[in-house]
Amino acid sequence: MKTHQLHKWTISPEEARSIQKNLCAWVSTQERCQSPSLVARIEFSGSQGDQGSSQSTVTIKSFPSLGFLERKVGIKKSGFPRVPGLISFQKAPSAISALEKLSHTPDLIICDGRGITGPDSFGVASHVGILANLPTIGIRPPKARFNYSTLGEQRGDWLPLADETGNSGVLLRVLDGLDPLLVSPAHKITQEDAIRLLLQFFPSTIPAREYIEILYPESDHDIENAMQPQLKAAGNNNS
């Protein structure tokens, strides 16, 4: 598939901030994504050091049947320093490399990382979504500061989050009793569609261990502890 080369990757943090500000202005979260037929799942791995490499695996599945179609890997060395708020400039190049190897063009991307949440309102999922020009959802584990004691225990329960900029995501319960995902629209999709499509992509039949591996890819996958979150929350679900 084709992506858009909107900027260089060998840049300074100052240049990256300027690029990010410009790209952020193009992010849309008002468009509907109702019936995708192909979904790409982007997962990151590899070193997170200043001079490390980033590796991305992109898997294409049919939707909603979730049949496997294709998988590609992208690896890129990153000379970009690890700067808070600019991590996408380390990670996104490998994701774009993997996407460009695909023979299928997805209708939707589900990407590890933030969408429009955070002080910069522009995470790696939004960066990838802009460069791919496709509807994109960002997913990541919840931060320890997030309060979700009042989040319902049943699949589909969710709590809204809003940062100081007013941008929001949700804490979404994907499997009964297990830790939620932080879900944020990243580009060309509404929050409503992001929640609905994510629950279809991760069905209730997904094994608990597989879900925990998705949620905490670098953990030891202790399911019993994961089923008893230590985080506390404020808010209520919107059912």
C-alpha atoms as a PDB file:
ATOM      1  CA  MET A   1       0.000   0.000   0.000  1.00  0.00           C
ATOM      2  CA  LYS A   2       1.023   3.605  -0.464  1.00  0.00           C
ATOM      3  CA  THR A   3       1.637   6.119   2.300  1.00  0.00           C
ATOM      4  CA  HIS A   4       2.272   9.854   2.161  1.00  0.00           C
ATOM      5  CA  GLN A   5       5.799  11.182   2.719  1.00  0.00           C
ATOM      6  CA  LEU A   6       4.888  14.458   4.387  1.00  0.00           C
ATOM      7  CA  HIS A   7       8.214  15.117   6.120  1.00  0.00           C
ATOM      8  CA  LYS A   8      11.750  13.839   6.652  1.00  0.00           C
ATOM      9  CA  TRP A   9      12.687  11.608   9.594  1.00  0.00           C
ATOM     10  CA  THR A  10      16.238  12.893  10.088  1.00  0.00           C
ATOM     11  CA  ILE A  11      15.370  16.072  11.942  1.00  0.00           C
ATOM     12  CA  SER A  12      16.000  17.879  15.214  1.00  0.00           C
ATOM     13  CA  PRO A  13      13.504  17.884  18.119  1.00  0.00           C
ATOM     14  CA  GLU A  14      12.721  21.518  17.322  1.00  0.00           C
ATOM     15  CA  GLU A  15      11.887  20.626  13.725  1.00  0.00           C
ATOM     16  CA  ALA A  16       9.839  17.645  14.953  1.00  0.00           C
ATOM     17  CA  ARG A  17       7.741  19.871  17.204  1.00  0.00           C
ATOM     18  CA  SER A  18       6.975  22.167  14.292  1.00  0.00           C
ATOM     19  CA  ILE A  19       6.072  19.232  12.039  1.00  0.00           C
ATOM     20  CA  GLN A  20       3.900  17.685  14.735  1.00  0.00           C
ATOM     21  CA  LYS A  21       2.025  20.948  15.261  1.00  0.00           C
ATOM     22  CA  ASN A  22       1.282  21.146  11.548  1.00  0.00           C
ATOM     23  CA  LEU A  23       0.217  17.500  11.284  1.00  0.00           C
ATOM     24  CA  CYS A  24      -1.966  17.789  14.375  1.00  0.00           C
ATOM     25  CA  ALA A  25      -4.031  20.453  12.634  1.00  0.00           C
ATOM     26  CA  TRP A  26      -4.997  17.881   9.995  1.00  0.00           C
ATOM     27  CA  VAL A  27      -6.281  15.248  12.425  1.00  0.00           C
ATOM     28  CA  SER A  28     -10.012  14.614  12.085  1.00  0.00           C
ATOM     29  CA  THR A  29     -12.176  12.746  14.589  1.00  0.00           C
ATOM     30  CA  GLN A  30     -15.536  13.589  13.038  1.00  0.00           C
ATOM     31  CA  GLU A  31     -15.613  11.088  10.167  1.00  0.00           C
ATOM     32  CA  ARG A  32     -17.562   7.852  10.387  1.00  0.00           C
ATOM     33  CA  CYS A  33     -15.968   4.459   9.794  1.00  0.00           C
ATOM     34  CA  GLN A  34     -18.937   2.144   9.749  1.00  0.00           C
ATOM     35  CA  SER A  35     -18.203  -0.998   7.738  1.00  0.00           C
ATOM     36  CA  PRO A  36     -14.495  -1.704   7.161  1.00  0.00           C
ATOM     37  CA  SER A  37     -13.722  -4.933   5.339  1.00  0.00           C
ATOM     38  CA  LEU A  38      -9.959  -5.059   6.009  1.00  0.00           C
ATOM     39  CA  VAL A  39      -8.303  -4.081   9.310  1.00  0.00           C
ATOM     40  CA  ALA A  40      -4.587  -3.580   9.964  1.00  0.00           C
ATOM     41  CA  ARG A  41      -3.215  -4.179  13.472  1.00  0.00           C
ATOM     42  CA  ILE A  42       0.120  -2.441  14.197  1.00  0.00           C
ATOM     43  CA  GLU A  43       2.254  -3.661  17.092  1.00  0.00           C
ATOM     44  CA  PHE A  44       5.616  -2.190  18.142  1.00  0.00           C
ATOM     45  CA  SER A  45       8.684  -3.867  19.590  1.00  0.00           C
ATOM     46  CA  GLY A  46      12.419  -3.214  19.741  1.00  0.00           C
ATOM     47  CA  SER A  47      14.722  -0.902  21.606  1.00  0.00           C
ATOM     48  CA  GLN A  48      13.391   2.339  22.987  1.00  0.00           C
ATOM     49  CA  GLY A  49      16.847   3.849  23.570  1.00  0.00           C
ATOM     50  CA  ASP A  50      18.062   7.054  21.966  1.00  0.00           C
ATOM     51  CA  GLN A  51      19.950   5.213  19.241  1.00  0.00           C
ATOM     52  CA  GLY A  52      17.858   2.045  19.192  1.00  0.00           C
ATOM     53  CA  SER A  53      15.833   0.490  16.435  1.00  0.00           C
ATOM     54  CA  SER A  54      12.082   0.293  16.150  1.00  0.00           C
ATOM     55  CA  GLN A  55      10.275  -2.776  14.868  1.00  0.00           C
ATOM     56  CA  SER A  56       6.653  -2.883  13.780  1.00  0.00           C
ATOM     57  CA  THR A  57       4.502  -5.831  12.838  1.00  0.00           C
ATOM     58  CA  VAL A  58       1.424  -5.151  10.733  1.00  0.00           C
ATOM     59  CA  THR A  59      -1.206  -7.863  10.456  1.00  0.00           C
ATOM     60  CA  ILE A  60      -4.113  -7.639   8.020  1.00  0.00           C
ATOM     61  CA  LYS A  61      -7.367  -9.393   8.849  1.00  0.00           C
ATOM     62  CA  SER A  62     -10.694  -9.551   7.076  1.00  0.00           C
ATOM     63  CA  PHE A  63     -13.497  -7.883   8.980  1.00  0.00           C
ATOM     64  CA  PRO A  64     -15.689  -8.784  10.759  1.00  0.00           C
ATOM     65  CA  SER A  65     -14.711 -12.446  10.202  1.00  0.00           C
ATOM     66  CA  LEU A  66     -11.138 -11.727  11.457  1.00  0.00           C
ATOM     67  CA  GLY A  67      -9.585 -14.140   9.004  1.00  0.00           C
ATOM     68  CA  PHE A  68      -5.816 -13.743   8.638  1.00  0.00           C
ATOM     69  CA  LEU A  69      -4.688 -12.362   5.282  1.00  0.00           C
ATOM     70  CA  GLU A  70      -1.189 -10.935   5.528  1.00  0.00           C
ATOM     71  CA  ARG A  71       1.629  -9.955   7.902  1.00  0.00           C
ATOM     72  CA  LYS A  72       4.628  -7.707   7.292  1.00  0.00           C
ATOM     73  CA  VAL A  73       7.455  -6.459   9.507  1.00  0.00           C
ATOM     74  CA  GLY A  74       9.219  -3.108   9.317  1.00  0.00           C
ATOM     75  CA  ILE A  75      12.534  -2.365  11.079  1.00  0.00           C
ATOM     76  CA  LYS A  76      14.108   1.070  11.158  1.00  0.00           C
ATOM     77  CA  LYS A  77      17.087   2.416  13.057  1.00  0.00           C
ATOM     78  CA  SER A  78      16.256   5.615  14.862  1.00  0.00           C
ATOM     79  CA  GLY A  79      18.698   8.420  15.456  1.00  0.00           C
ATOM     80  CA  PHE A  80      15.963  10.568  16.901  1.00  0.00           C
ATOM     81  CA  PRO A  81      16.366  11.158  20.665  1.00  0.00           C
ATOM     82  CA  ARG A  82      13.738   9.930  23.101  1.00  0.00           C
ATOM     83  CA  VAL A  83      11.894  13.192  23.777  1.00  0.00           C
ATOM     84  CA  PRO A  84       8.604  13.149  25.724  1.00  0.00           C
ATOM     85  CA  GLY A  85       5.749  14.063  23.405  1.00  0.00           C
ATOM     86  CA  LEU A  86       7.764  13.210  20.291  1.00  0.00           C
ATOM     87  CA  ILE A  87       8.083   9.429  20.646  1.00  0.00           C
ATOM     88  CA  SER A  88       6.222   8.904  17.380  1.00  0.00           C
ATOM     89  CA  PHE A  89       9.293  10.182  15.509  1.00  0.00           C
ATOM     90  CA  GLN A  90      11.138   7.118  16.845  1.00  0.00           C
ATOM     91  CA  LYS A  91       8.339   4.613  16.292  1.00  0.00           C
ATOM     92  CA  ALA A  92       6.358   5.670  13.237  1.00  0.00           C
ATOM     93  CA  PRO A  93       9.095   5.053  10.609  1.00  0.00           C
ATOM     94  CA  SER A  94       9.035   1.277  11.177  1.00  0.00           C
ATOM     95  CA  ALA A  95       5.221   1.229  11.030  1.00  0.00           C
ATOM     96  CA  ILE A  96       5.242   3.103   7.736  1.00  0.00           C
ATOM     97  CA  SER A  97       7.900   0.723   6.405  1.00  0.00           C
ATOM     98  CA  ALA A  98       5.718  -2.282   7.251  1.00  0.00           C
ATOM     99  CA  LEU A  99       2.569  -0.703   5.801  1.00  0.00           C
ATOM    100  CA  GLU A 100       4.338   0.025   2.515  1.00  0.00           C
ATOM    101  CA  LYS A 101       5.144  -3.690   2.142  1.00  0.00           C
ATOM    102  CA  LEU A 102       1.484  -4.736   2.262  1.00  0.00           C
ATOM    103  CA  SER A 103      -0.263  -6.028  -0.815  1.00  0.00           C
ATOM    104  CA  HIS A 104      -3.631  -5.213   0.797  1.00  0.00           C
ATOM    105  CA  THR A 105      -4.771  -1.696   1.678  1.00  0.00           C
ATOM    106  CA  PRO A 106      -6.756  -1.717   4.933  1.00  0.00           C
ATOM    107  CA  ASP A 107      -9.908   0.287   5.589  1.00  0.00           C
ATOM    108  CA  LEU A 108      -8.979   0.750   9.263  1.00  0.00           C
ATOM    109  CA  ILE A 109      -5.794   0.734  11.346  1.00  0.00           C
ATOM    110  CA  ILE A 110      -5.642  -0.267  15.019  1.00  0.00           C
ATOM    111  CA  CYS A 111      -2.296   0.971  16.280  1.00  0.00           C
ATOM    112  CA  ASP A 112      -0.430   0.547  19.565  1.00  0.00           C
ATOM    113  CA  GLY A 113      -0.013   3.992  21.117  1.00  0.00           C
ATOM    114  CA  ARG A 114      -1.950   7.181  21.669  1.00  0.00           C
ATOM    115  CA  GLY A 115      -4.280   8.937  19.310  1.00  0.00           C
ATOM    116  CA  ILE A 116      -5.412  12.444  20.246  1.00  0.00           C
ATOM    117  CA  THR A 117      -4.843  12.051  23.991  1.00  0.00           C
ATOM    118  CA  GLY A 118      -1.956  13.580  25.900  1.00  0.00           C
ATOM    119  CA  PRO A 119      -0.598  17.110  26.277  1.00  0.00           C
ATOM    120  CA  ASP A 120       0.528  17.182  22.643  1.00  0.00           C
ATOM    121  CA  SER A 121      -2.796  15.702  21.416  1.00  0.00           C
ATOM    122  CA  PHE A 122      -0.853  13.730  18.833  1.00  0.00           C
ATOM    123  CA  GLY A 123       0.421  10.242  19.574  1.00  0.00           C
ATOM    124  CA  VAL A 124       2.050   7.691  17.289  1.00  0.00           C
ATOM    125  CA  ALA A 125      -1.359   6.343  16.213  1.00  0.00           C
ATOM    126  CA  SER A 126      -2.350   9.779  14.932  1.00  0.00           C
ATOM    127  CA  HIS A 127       1.021  10.156  13.209  1.00  0.00           C
ATOM    128  CA  VAL A 128       0.587   6.827  11.420  1.00  0.00           C
ATOM    129  CA  GLY A 129      -3.034   7.631  10.574  1.00  0.00           C
ATOM    130  CA  ILE A 130      -2.091  10.945   8.962  1.00  0.00           C
ATOM    131  CA  LEU A 131       0.718   9.421   6.882  1.00  0.00           C
ATOM    132  CA  ALA A 132      -1.489   6.500   5.812  1.00  0.00           C
ATOM    133  CA  ASN A 133      -4.554   8.753   5.362  1.00  0.00           C
ATOM    134  CA  LEU A 134      -6.749   6.042   6.851  1.00  0.00           C
ATOM    135  CA  PRO A 135      -9.151   5.760   9.798  1.00  0.00           C
ATOM    136  CA  THR A 136      -6.980   4.904  12.782  1.00  0.00           C
ATOM    137  CA  ILE A 137      -7.602   3.952  16.411  1.00  0.00           C
ATOM    138  CA  GLY A 138      -4.945   4.222  19.122  1.00  0.00           C
ATOM    139  CA  ILE A 139      -4.825   1.659  21.946  1.00  0.00           C
ATOM    140  CA  ARG A 140      -2.538   1.383  24.971  1.00  0.00           C
ATOM    141  CA  PRO A 141      -2.556   0.221  28.615  1.00  0.00           C
ATOM    142  CA  PRO A 142      -3.926   2.757  31.115  1.00  0.00           C
ATOM    143  CA  LYS A 143      -1.419   4.868  33.033  1.00  0.00           C
ATOM    144  CA  ALA A 144      -1.172   4.351  36.791  1.00  0.00           C
ATOM    145  CA  ARG A 145      -2.624   7.830  37.397  1.00  0.00           C
ATOM    146  CA  PHE A 146      -5.904   6.881  35.718  1.00  0.00           C
ATOM    147  CA  ASN A 147      -8.743   6.243  38.110  1.00  0.00           C
ATOM    148  CA  TYR A 148     -11.183   3.520  37.117  1.00  0.00           C
ATOM    149  CA  SER A 149     -12.620   2.054  40.326  1.00  0.00           C
ATOM    150  CA  THR A 150     -16.128   2.964  39.138  1.00  0.00           C
ATOM    151  CA  LEU A 151     -15.673   1.451  35.702  1.00  0.00           C
ATOM    152  CA  GLY A 152     -18.086  -1.438  35.292  1.00  0.00           C
ATOM    153  CA  GLU A 153     -16.627  -4.934  35.231  1.00  0.00           C
ATOM    154  CA  GLN A 154     -18.532  -6.066  32.148  1.00  0.00           C
ATOM    155  CA  ARG A 155     -17.269  -6.070  28.588  1.00  0.00           C
ATOM    156  CA  GLY A 156     -18.271  -2.854  26.811  1.00  0.00           C
ATOM    157  CA  ASP A 157     -18.305  -0.667  29.941  1.00  0.00           C
ATOM    158  CA  TRP A 158     -16.304   2.524  29.459  1.00  0.00           C
ATOM    159  CA  LEU A 159     -15.264   5.749  31.152  1.00  0.00           C
ATOM    160  CA  PRO A 160     -14.508   8.990  29.312  1.00  0.00           C
ATOM    161  CA  LEU A 161     -11.176  10.700  29.795  1.00  0.00           C
ATOM    162  CA  ALA A 162     -10.294  14.292  29.026  1.00  0.00           C
ATOM    163  CA  ASP A 163      -6.897  15.943  29.320  1.00  0.00           C
ATOM    164  CA  GLU A 164      -6.088  19.587  29.903  1.00  0.00           C
ATOM    165  CA  THR A 165      -6.544  20.343  26.208  1.00  0.00           C
ATOM    166  CA  GLY A 166     -10.053  18.905  26.178  1.00  0.00           C
ATOM    167  CA  ASN A 167      -9.111  15.983  23.943  1.00  0.00           C
ATOM    168  CA  SER A 168     -10.464  12.691  25.114  1.00  0.00           C
ATOM    169  CA  GLY A 169     -10.273   8.956  24.949  1.00  0.00           C
ATOM    170  CA  VAL A 170     -11.999   6.248  26.923  1.00  0.00           C
ATOM    171  CA  LEU A 171     -11.059   3.453  29.277  1.00  0.00           C
ATOM    172  CA  LEU A 172     -12.811   0.482  27.702  1.00  0.00           C
ATOM    173  CA  ARG A 173     -13.472  -2.881  29.367  1.00  0.00           C
ATOM    174  CA  VAL A 174     -12.725  -5.411  26.626  1.00  0.00           C
ATOM    175  CA  LEU A 175     -13.066  -8.603  28.685  1.00  0.00           C
ATOM    176  CA  ASP A 176     -15.100  -9.060  31.861  1.00  0.00           C
ATOM    177  CA  GLY A 177     -12.993  -8.332  34.947  1.00  0.00           C
ATOM    178  CA  LEU A 178      -9.700  -7.726  33.127  1.00  0.00           C
ATOM    179  CA  ASP A 179      -7.840  -4.408  32.948  1.00  0.00           C
ATOM    180  CA  PRO A 180      -9.296  -1.950  30.421  1.00  0.00           C
ATOM    181  CA  LEU A 181      -7.658  -0.489  27.342  1.00  0.00           C
ATOM    182  CA  LEU A 182      -7.144   3.216  26.787  1.00  0.00           C
ATOM    183  CA  VAL A 183      -8.831   3.782  23.431  1.00  0.00           C
ATOM    184  CA  SER A 184      -8.523   7.051  21.549  1.00  0.00           C
ATOM    185  CA  PRO A 185      -9.585   8.104  18.065  1.00  0.00           C
ATOM    186  CA  ALA A 186      -6.403   8.887  16.122  1.00  0.00           C
ATOM    187  CA  HIS A 187      -7.589  10.034  12.687  1.00  0.00           C
ATOM    188  CA  LYS A 188     -10.674   9.931  10.444  1.00  0.00           C
ATOM    189  CA  ILE A 189     -12.862   8.164  12.992  1.00  0.00           C
ATOM    190  CA  THR A 190     -15.263   9.123  15.766  1.00  0.00           C
ATOM    191  CA  GLN A 191     -14.906   7.963  19.341  1.00  0.00           C
ATOM    192  CA  GLU A 192     -18.206   6.094  19.009  1.00  0.00           C
ATOM    193  CA  ASP A 193     -16.980   4.107  16.014  1.00  0.00           C
ATOM    194  CA  ALA A 194     -13.603   3.496  17.670  1.00  0.00           C
ATOM    195  CA  ILE A 195     -15.296   1.812  20.642  1.00  0.00           C
ATOM    196  CA  ARG A 196     -17.681  -0.236  18.506  1.00  0.00           C
ATOM    197  CA  LEU A 197     -15.077  -1.480  16.034  1.00  0.00           C
ATOM    198  CA  LEU A 198     -12.494  -2.267  18.706  1.00  0.00           C
ATOM    199  CA  LEU A 199     -14.963  -4.512  20.529  1.00  0.00           C
ATOM    200  CA  GLN A 200     -15.603  -6.325  17.251  1.00  0.00           C
ATOM    201  CA  PHE A 201     -11.892  -6.704  16.555  1.00  0.00           C
ATOM    202  CA  PHE A 202     -11.247  -8.077  20.056  1.00  0.00           C
ATOM    203  CA  PRO A 203     -14.281 -10.352  20.507  1.00  0.00           C
ATOM    204  CA  SER A 204     -15.493 -11.765  23.812  1.00  0.00           C
ATOM    205  CA  THR A 205     -14.035 -15.132  22.790  1.00  0.00           C
ATOM    206  CA  ILE A 206     -10.440 -13.874  22.785  1.00  0.00           C
ATOM    207  CA  PRO A 207      -8.428 -15.929  25.337  1.00  0.00           C
ATOM    208  CA  ALA A 208      -7.560 -14.015  28.507  1.00  0.00           C
ATOM    209  CA  ARG A 209      -3.831 -14.673  28.091  1.00  0.00           C
ATOM    210  CA  GLU A 210      -3.869 -13.361  24.530  1.00  0.00           C
ATOM    211  CA  TYR A 211      -5.649 -10.208  25.674  1.00  0.00           C
ATOM    212  CA  ILE A 212      -3.127  -9.637  28.478  1.00  0.00           C
ATOM    213  CA  GLU A 213      -0.294 -10.031  25.966  1.00  0.00           C
ATOM    214  CA  ILE A 214      -1.950  -7.329  23.861  1.00  0.00           C
ATOM    215  CA  LEU A 215      -2.460  -5.080  26.867  1.00  0.00           C
ATOM    216  CA  TYR A 216       0.972  -5.567  28.452  1.00  0.00           C
ATOM    217  CA  PRO A 217       3.287  -6.921  25.723  1.00  0.00           C
ATOM    218  CA  GLU A 218       6.429  -6.584  27.894  1.00  0.00           C
ATOM    219  CA  SER A 219       4.976  -8.053  31.093  1.00  0.00           C
ATOM    220  CA  ASP A 220       5.173 -11.605  32.423  1.00  0.00           C
ATOM    221  CA  HIS A 221       1.467 -12.026  31.648  1.00  0.00           C
ATOM    222  CA  ASP A 222       0.323 -12.736  35.195  1.00  0.00           C
ATOM    223  CA  ILE A 223      -3.393 -13.091  34.507  1.00  0.00           C
ATOM    224  CA  GLU A 224      -4.468 -13.403  38.118  1.00  0.00           C
ATOM    225  CA  ASN A 225      -2.848 -10.089  39.054  1.00  0.00           C
ATOM    226  CA  ALA A 226      -4.165  -8.467  35.902  1.00  0.00           C
ATOM    227  CA  MET A 227      -7.675  -9.412  36.924  1.00  0.00           C
ATOM    228  CA  GLN A 228      -7.260  -7.406  40.135  1.00  0.00           C
ATOM    229  CA  PRO A 229      -6.230  -3.887  38.994  1.00  0.00           C
ATOM    230  CA  GLN A 230      -4.351  -1.760  41.489  1.00  0.00           C
ATOM    231  CA  LEU A 231      -5.453   1.469  39.816  1.00  0.00           C
ATOM    232  CA  LYS A 232      -8.269   3.485  41.302  1.00  0.00           C
ATOM    233  CA  ALA A 233     -10.734   5.548  39.378  1.00  0.00           C
ATOM    234  CA  ALA A 234     -13.142   8.432  39.431  1.00  0.00           C
ATOM    235  CA  GLY A 235     -16.041   8.649  37.065  1.00  0.00           C
ATOM    236  CA  ASN A 236     -18.781   6.376  35.893  1.00  0.00           C
ATOM    237  CA  ASN A 237     -19.526   4.359  32.829  1.00  0.00           C
ATOM    238  CA  ASN A 238     -21.710   5.550  30.050  1.00  0.00           C
ATOM    239  CA  SER A 239     -23.950   2.638  29.336  1.00  0.00           C
END
